[in-house]
C-alpha cells in the first residue's frame, strides 16, 4: 500500500494487509496526532487496509480564538 505522510511530505510503500492501528504503531506515530484517510475517505483506526489502498496520514491541527 502507498502511505503518504505530511510534515515533511513523503511517500512510502508498506506491504499489506494491515489494520490502521498496526500501521501507526509500525511507523511510531501517536494515533491521537493524525487523521487516517484511505482512498480519499476518513476512516477509523480499526480499518483494514489492502495492498492496493492509498493511505494518507494528516496531522491533526487544532486552534481557535482566544
Protein backbone atom coordinates (compact mmCIF):
# COMPACT_ATOMS: atom_id res chain seq x y z
CA UNK A 1 0.00 0.00 0.00
CA UNK A 2 1.14 3.56 -0.56
CA UNK A 3 1.33 5.66 2.60
CA UNK A 4 1.54 9.44 2.27
CA UNK A 5 2.95 11.26 5.28
CA UNK A 6 2.85 15.02 5.87
CA UNK A 7 5.30 17.39 7.57
CA UNK A 8 7.53 16.71 5.75
CA UNK A 9 5.61 15.24 2.82
CA UNK A 10 6.89 11.84 1.77
CA UNK A 11 5.55 8.58 0.36
CA UNK A 12 6.45 5.07 1.47
CA UNK A 13 5.35 1.61 0.35
CA UNK A 14 4.28 -0.90 3.01
CA UNK A 15 3.19 -4.49 2.47
CA UNK A 16 -0.46 -5.14 3.36
CA UNK A 17 -2.93 -6.21 4.51
CA UNK A 18 -2.74 -4.32 7.78
CA UNK A 19 -5.07 -2.68 10.30
CA UNK A 20 -4.70 1.10 10.65
CA UNK A 21 -3.70 0.84 14.34
CA UNK A 22 -0.88 -1.58 13.43
CA UNK A 23 0.31 0.75 10.68
CA UNK A 24 0.55 3.65 13.12
CA UNK A 25 2.49 1.52 15.62
CA UNK A 26 4.87 0.35 12.90
CA UNK A 27 5.52 3.96 11.87
CA UNK A 28 5.79 5.01 15.55
CA UNK A 29 3.01 7.58 15.16
CA UNK A 30 0.76 8.54 18.07
CA UNK A 31 -2.83 7.80 16.89
CA UNK A 32 -4.10 10.96 18.59
CA UNK A 33 -1.95 13.16 16.32
CA UNK A 34 -3.19 12.12 12.85
CA UNK A 35 -6.29 11.68 10.72
CA UNK A 36 -6.31 8.48 8.66
CA UNK A 37 -7.59 8.81 5.11
CA UNK A 38 -7.97 5.72 2.92
CA UNK A 39 -8.62 6.27 -0.79
CA UNK A 40 -9.95 9.76 -0.06
CA UNK A 41 -12.24 8.78 2.86
CA UNK A 42 -11.65 9.46 6.56
CA UNK A 43 -11.54 6.08 8.36
CA UNK A 44 -11.34 4.81 11.98
CA UNK A 45 -8.28 3.09 13.47
CA UNK A 46 -9.82 -0.39 13.16
CA UNK A 47 -9.97 -0.18 9.35
CA UNK A 48 -8.16 -2.98 7.49
CA UNK A 49 -6.06 -1.87 4.51
CA UNK A 50 -5.11 -3.97 1.50
CA UNK A 51 -2.08 -3.77 -0.79
CA UNK A 52 -3.82 -1.55 -3.34
CA UNK A 53 -5.02 1.13 -0.88
CA UNK A 54 -3.63 4.65 -0.74
CA UNK A 55 -3.36 5.86 2.85
CA UNK A 56 -2.77 9.46 3.86
CA UNK A 57 -1.83 10.43 7.41
CA UNK A 58 -2.66 14.08 8.03
CA UNK A 59 -1.60 15.83 11.23
CA UNK A 60 -4.41 16.98 13.49
CA UNK A 61 -4.36 20.74 13.81
CA UNK A 62 -6.36 22.49 16.46
CA UNK A 63 -6.76 26.11 17.31
CA UNK A 64 -9.28 28.75 17.97
CA UNK A 65 -9.89 32.25 19.15
CA UNK A 66 -8.54 33.40 22.47
